[in-house]
Amino acid sequence: MNTFAKAYVAVIATLGCGVLGVALLNWQSADLTRLAVLLLLGLAAATWKVKLPGITGTISGSFLFILVAVSAFSFSETTLLAATVALLQCFWRARKNPQAVQVVFNVATLSVSAGVAWLSAHALLQAFRSQSLILLLVPAAVLFFVADTGLVSGVIALVEQKKFTTVWHECHGWSFPYYVLGAALAALITVSSRATGWTASLFIVPAMYLVYSYYRFYVERATRERLAVTIDEQEHEMLVSTQ
């Protein structure tokens, strides 16, 4: 990494440590059993990884449970969940052991993104003196998506010396519908838990796996098509150069 990339990673790592420090020092949890269940589900969803083209990182289904935590859990619980699933995602079926700096950056990125989503969404509710789930989850989903993908795209742009917008569009532009569907399912889980309790709401989780399966198929097909186009362009250039 160049000097700017190292400085960027150091800043994000510091922010992540700060967010986790605040969460742990001001720990709040109304129900540890419920938190344990959500944490286990988030860890399971972290294994639903989709390889994104253009970067070595992945996207998983764990963000669904981070959004559930934003809507129904404390700031401390939400941040802890994000950091834990990020840690598992770094090592689960990794082709090679990640470097320490990669682990720290990924954990910090997800912690900061979850913290920003929680604080901003709840501040918005307080500003409007509302308890609307839509007013809570829609901004939370958008902010989490922007923060998470933006921070990752930022470091890639610095390392590869590319434009930020180009990197973001190539790597994360097509993942937004996946976040939207996840946010909708998070809303269903939260509404169901308020009406009938957490046990019944867990039956919605398989729907998230179906969404993940479709998204993985979509990304793999799009990646193959992009690769085929690239190969055709290279063959055409070679043919033209030999004429």
Protein backbone atom coordinates (compact mmCIF):
# COMPACT_ATOMS: atom_id res chain seq x y z
CA MET A 1 0.00 0.00 0.00
CA ASN A 2 1.10 3.55 -0.68
CA THR A 3 1.33 6.20 2.03
CA PHE A 4 -2.20 7.51 1.48
CA ALA A 5 -3.69 4.02 1.65
CA LYS A 6 -1.81 3.26 4.88
CA ALA A 7 -3.01 6.50 6.42
CA TYR A 8 -6.59 5.76 5.31
CA VAL A 9 -6.51 2.26 6.85
CA ALA A 10 -5.05 3.69 10.06
CA VAL A 11 -7.84 6.27 10.32
CA ILE A 12 -10.60 3.68 9.73
CA ALA A 13 -8.98 1.26 12.20
CA THR A 14 -8.84 4.03 14.80
CA LEU A 15 -12.49 4.93 14.22
CA GLY A 16 -13.44 1.27 14.51
CA CYS A 17 -11.59 0.88 17.79
CA GLY A 18 -13.26 4.03 19.05
CA VAL A 19 -16.74 2.79 18.14
CA LEU A 20 -16.14 -0.59 19.77
CA GLY A 21 -14.63 1.09 22.83
CA VAL A 22 -17.67 3.33 23.30
CA ALA A 23 -20.00 0.36 22.80
CA LEU A 24 -18.25 -1.79 25.41
CA LEU A 25 -17.74 0.99 27.95
CA ASN A 26 -21.44 1.91 27.73
CA TRP A 27 -22.70 -1.65 27.48
CA GLN A 28 -26.47 -2.07 27.42
CA SER A 29 -28.42 -5.28 26.86
CA ALA A 30 -32.01 -5.89 27.89
CA ASP A 31 -31.98 -9.61 27.08
CA LEU A 32 -28.73 -11.56 26.74
CA THR A 33 -30.54 -14.69 25.54
CA ARG A 34 -32.15 -12.81 22.67
CA LEU A 35 -28.78 -11.25 21.84
CA ALA A 36 -27.13 -14.69 21.79
CA VAL A 37 -29.75 -15.99 19.36
CA LEU A 38 -29.30 -13.01 17.04
CA LEU A 39 -25.53 -13.36 17.25
CA LEU A 40 -25.68 -17.03 16.28
CA LEU A 41 -27.95 -16.23 13.34
CA GLY A 42 -25.64 -13.41 12.26
CA LEU A 43 -22.63 -15.73 12.41
CA ALA A 44 -24.48 -18.33 10.35
CA ALA A 45 -25.39 -15.69 7.75
CA ALA A 46 -21.76 -14.54 7.66
CA THR A 47 -20.94 -17.89 6.04
CA TRP A 48 -23.29 -17.07 3.11
CA LYS A 49 -20.53 -15.31 1.23
CA VAL A 50 -20.71 -13.99 -2.33
CA LYS A 51 -17.44 -13.21 -4.10
CA LEU A 52 -17.65 -9.77 -5.66
CA PRO A 53 -15.86 -9.11 -8.95
CA GLY A 54 -12.93 -6.75 -8.93
CA ILE A 55 -11.99 -7.12 -5.25
CA THR A 56 -10.73 -9.85 -2.95
CA GLY A 57 -13.51 -9.23 -0.44
CA THR A 58 -16.98 -10.73 -0.18
CA ILE A 59 -20.49 -9.75 0.81
CA SER A 60 -22.55 -11.92 3.14
CA GLY A 61 -26.09 -12.15 4.47
CA SER A 62 -25.08 -10.95 7.93
CA PHE A 63 -26.13 -7.36 7.20
CA LEU A 64 -29.75 -8.52 7.52
CA PHE A 65 -29.23 -9.22 11.22
CA ILE A 66 -27.24 -6.03 11.68
CA LEU A 67 -30.31 -4.15 10.42
CA VAL A 68 -32.51 -6.18 12.78
CA ALA A 69 -30.18 -5.16 15.61
CA VAL A 70 -30.44 -1.50 14.56
CA SER A 71 -34.24 -1.70 14.79
CA ALA A 72 -34.59 -3.68 18.02
CA PHE A 73 -31.29 -3.75 19.93
CA SER A 74 -28.99 -1.26 21.63
CA PHE A 75 -26.01 0.51 20.07
CA SER A 76 -23.65 -1.72 22.06
CA GLU A 77 -25.31 -4.93 20.89
CA THR A 78 -25.45 -3.79 17.27
CA THR A 79 -21.78 -2.84 17.17
CA LEU A 80 -20.69 -6.07 18.88
CA LEU A 81 -22.71 -8.11 16.39
CA ALA A 82 -21.13 -6.28 13.44
CA ALA A 83 -17.58 -6.77 14.73
CA THR A 84 -18.14 -10.46 15.45
CA VAL A 85 -19.63 -11.35 12.07
CA ALA A 86 -16.89 -9.36 10.31
CA LEU A 87 -14.25 -11.39 12.16
CA LEU A 88 -15.84 -14.70 11.15
CA GLN A 89 -16.29 -13.58 7.56
CA CYS A 90 -12.55 -12.88 7.29
CA PHE A 91 -11.60 -16.47 8.11
CA TRP A 92 -14.53 -18.60 6.98
CA ARG A 93 -13.42 -20.67 3.97
CA ALA A 94 -10.79 -18.09 3.05
CA ARG A 95 -8.52 -19.23 0.22
CA LYS A 96 -5.54 -17.96 2.17
CA ASN A 97 -5.08 -16.64 5.68
CA PRO A 98 -5.88 -12.91 5.74
CA GLN A 99 -3.23 -10.47 6.91
CA ALA A 100 -3.71 -8.80 10.27
CA VAL A 101 -4.25 -5.41 8.63
CA GLN A 102 -7.05 -6.87 6.48
CA VAL A 103 -8.80 -8.33 9.52
CA VAL A 104 -8.53 -5.09 11.49
CA PHE A 105 -9.77 -3.02 8.56
CA ASN A 106 -12.74 -5.31 7.85
CA VAL A 107 -13.80 -5.43 11.50
CA ALA A 108 -13.42 -1.66 11.81
CA THR A 109 -15.35 -1.03 8.58
CA LEU A 110 -18.35 -3.10 9.61
CA SER A 111 -18.30 -1.69 13.17
CA VAL A 112 -18.21 1.90 11.93
CA SER A 113 -20.92 1.24 9.33
CA ALA A 114 -23.22 -0.38 11.90
CA GLY A 115 -22.54 2.41 14.39
CA VAL A 116 -23.28 5.13 11.84
CA ALA A 117 -26.50 3.39 10.79
CA TRP A 118 -27.71 2.96 14.40
CA LEU A 119 -26.86 6.46 15.61
CA SER A 120 -28.21 8.24 12.53
CA ALA A 121 -31.44 6.25 12.29
CA HIS A 122 -32.27 6.65 15.99
CA ALA A 123 -31.35 10.34 15.90
CA LEU A 124 -33.82 10.72 13.04
CA LEU A 125 -36.56 9.05 15.08
CA GLN A 126 -35.90 11.38 17.99
CA ALA A 127 -35.88 14.42 15.71
CA PHE A 128 -39.34 13.54 14.35
CA ARG A 129 -40.53 12.11 17.70
CA SER A 130 -41.65 9.02 15.86
CA GLN A 131 -41.63 5.25 16.38
CA SER A 132 -42.05 4.45 12.68
CA LEU A 133 -40.19 1.32 11.66
CA ILE A 134 -39.96 2.58 8.07
CA LEU A 135 -38.41 5.86 9.20
CA LEU A 136 -35.90 3.80 11.17
CA LEU A 137 -34.94 1.03 8.77
CA VAL A 138 -34.90 2.83 5.42
CA PRO A 139 -32.27 5.41 6.46
CA ALA A 140 -30.39 2.72 8.40
CA ALA A 141 -30.18 0.44 5.35
CA VAL A 142 -29.09 3.26 3.05
CA LEU A 143 -26.51 4.62 5.47
CA PHE A 144 -25.11 1.17 6.23
CA PHE A 145 -24.82 0.42 2.51
CA VAL A 146 -23.15 3.76 1.74
CA ALA A 147 -20.73 3.54 4.67
CA ASP A 148 -19.78 -0.12 4.20
CA THR A 149 -19.28 -0.05 0.43
CA GLY A 150 -17.82 3.46 0.50
CA LEU A 151 -15.11 2.62 3.03
CA VAL A 152 -14.09 -0.52 1.14
CA SER A 153 -14.11 1.26 -2.23
CA GLY A 154 -12.02 4.04 -0.73
CA VAL A 155 -9.12 1.80 0.21
CA ILE A 156 -9.23 -0.01 -3.15
CA ALA A 157 -9.19 3.30 -5.01
CA LEU A 158 -6.14 4.45 -3.04
CA VAL A 159 -4.25 1.16 -3.42
CA GLU A 160 -4.95 0.80 -7.14
CA GLN A 161 -4.90 4.56 -7.79
CA LYS A 162 -8.28 4.61 -9.48
CA LYS A 163 -11.23 6.94 -9.26
CA PHE A 164 -13.46 6.25 -6.26
CA THR A 165 -16.66 6.35 -8.33
CA THR A 166 -15.25 3.88 -10.85
CA VAL A 167 -14.24 1.41 -8.14
CA TRP A 168 -17.55 1.74 -6.32
CA HIS A 169 -19.61 1.21 -9.47
CA GLU A 170 -17.60 -1.82 -10.60
CA CYS A 171 -17.47 -3.52 -7.21
CA HIS A 172 -20.64 -2.53 -5.35
CA GLY A 173 -23.04 -0.81 -7.72
CA TRP A 174 -25.08 -3.92 -8.37
CA SER A 175 -25.32 -5.03 -4.71
CA PHE A 176 -27.80 -2.31 -3.70
CA PRO A 177 -30.92 -4.40 -4.59
CA TYR A 178 -29.56 -7.12 -2.30
CA TYR A 179 -29.43 -4.62 0.57
CA VAL A 180 -32.95 -3.40 -0.22
CA LEU A 181 -34.38 -6.92 -0.07
CA GLY A 182 -32.45 -7.56 3.13
CA ALA A 183 -33.87 -4.40 4.67
CA ALA A 184 -37.40 -5.50 3.75
CA LEU A 185 -36.85 -8.88 5.42
CA ALA A 186 -35.34 -7.16 8.47
CA ALA A 187 -38.54 -5.11 8.73
CA LEU A 188 -40.67 -8.27 8.50
CA ILE A 189 -38.62 -9.96 11.23
CA THR A 190 -38.91 -6.93 13.50
CA VAL A 191 -42.67 -6.53 12.94
CA SER A 192 -43.24 -10.24 13.47
CA SER A 193 -41.19 -10.27 16.67
CA ARG A 194 -43.19 -7.36 18.06
CA ALA A 195 -46.48 -9.09 17.29
CA THR A 196 -45.79 -12.74 18.12
CA GLY A 197 -42.34 -12.89 19.70
CA TRP A 198 -38.90 -13.73 18.34
CA THR A 199 -39.53 -17.45 17.82
CA ALA A 200 -42.11 -16.99 15.07
CA SER A 201 -40.07 -14.30 13.33
CA LEU A 202 -37.18 -16.73 12.74
CA PHE A 203 -39.24 -18.53 10.09
CA ILE A 204 -38.52 -15.57 7.80
CA VAL A 205 -34.79 -16.37 7.85
CA PRO A 206 -35.05 -19.06 5.11
CA ALA A 207 -36.38 -16.35 2.80
CA MET A 208 -33.10 -14.52 3.28
CA TYR A 209 -31.20 -17.63 2.24
CA LEU A 210 -33.25 -17.76 -0.96
CA VAL A 211 -32.41 -14.11 -1.63
CA TYR A 212 -28.74 -14.88 -1.01
CA SER A 213 -28.83 -17.90 -3.35
CA TYR A 214 -30.38 -15.86 -6.15
CA TYR A 215 -27.93 -12.99 -5.66
CA ARG A 216 -24.97 -15.38 -5.71
CA PHE A 217 -26.24 -16.90 -8.97
CA TYR A 218 -26.75 -13.41 -10.44
CA VAL A 219 -23.24 -12.22 -9.50
CA GLU A 220 -21.55 -15.39 -10.79
CA ARG A 221 -23.42 -15.17 -14.09
CA ALA A 222 -22.59 -11.47 -14.48
CA THR A 223 -18.93 -12.19 -13.68
CA ARG A 224 -18.77 -14.90 -16.34
CA GLU A 225 -20.37 -12.61 -18.90
CA ARG A 226 -17.93 -9.81 -18.07
CA LEU A 227 -15.00 -12.21 -18.38
CA ALA A 228 -16.26 -13.45 -21.74
CA VAL A 229 -16.55 -9.88 -23.03
CA THR A 230 -13.03 -9.08 -21.82
CA ILE A 231 -11.61 -12.15 -23.56
CA ASP A 232 -13.41 -11.27 -26.81
CA GLU A 233 -12.04 -7.73 -26.68
CA GLN A 234 -8.50 -8.99 -26.09
CA GLU A 235 -8.75 -11.47 -28.96
CA HIS A 236 -10.07 -8.74 -31.23
CA GLU A 237 -7.20 -6.43 -30.29
CA MET A 238 -4.66 -9.19 -30.95
CA LEU A 239 -6.26 -9.93 -34.33
CA VAL A 240 -6.17 -6.27 -35.32
CA SER A 241 -2.53 -5.88 -34.24
CA THR A 242 -1.43 -8.84 -36.40
CA GLN A 243 -3.08 -7.50 -39.54
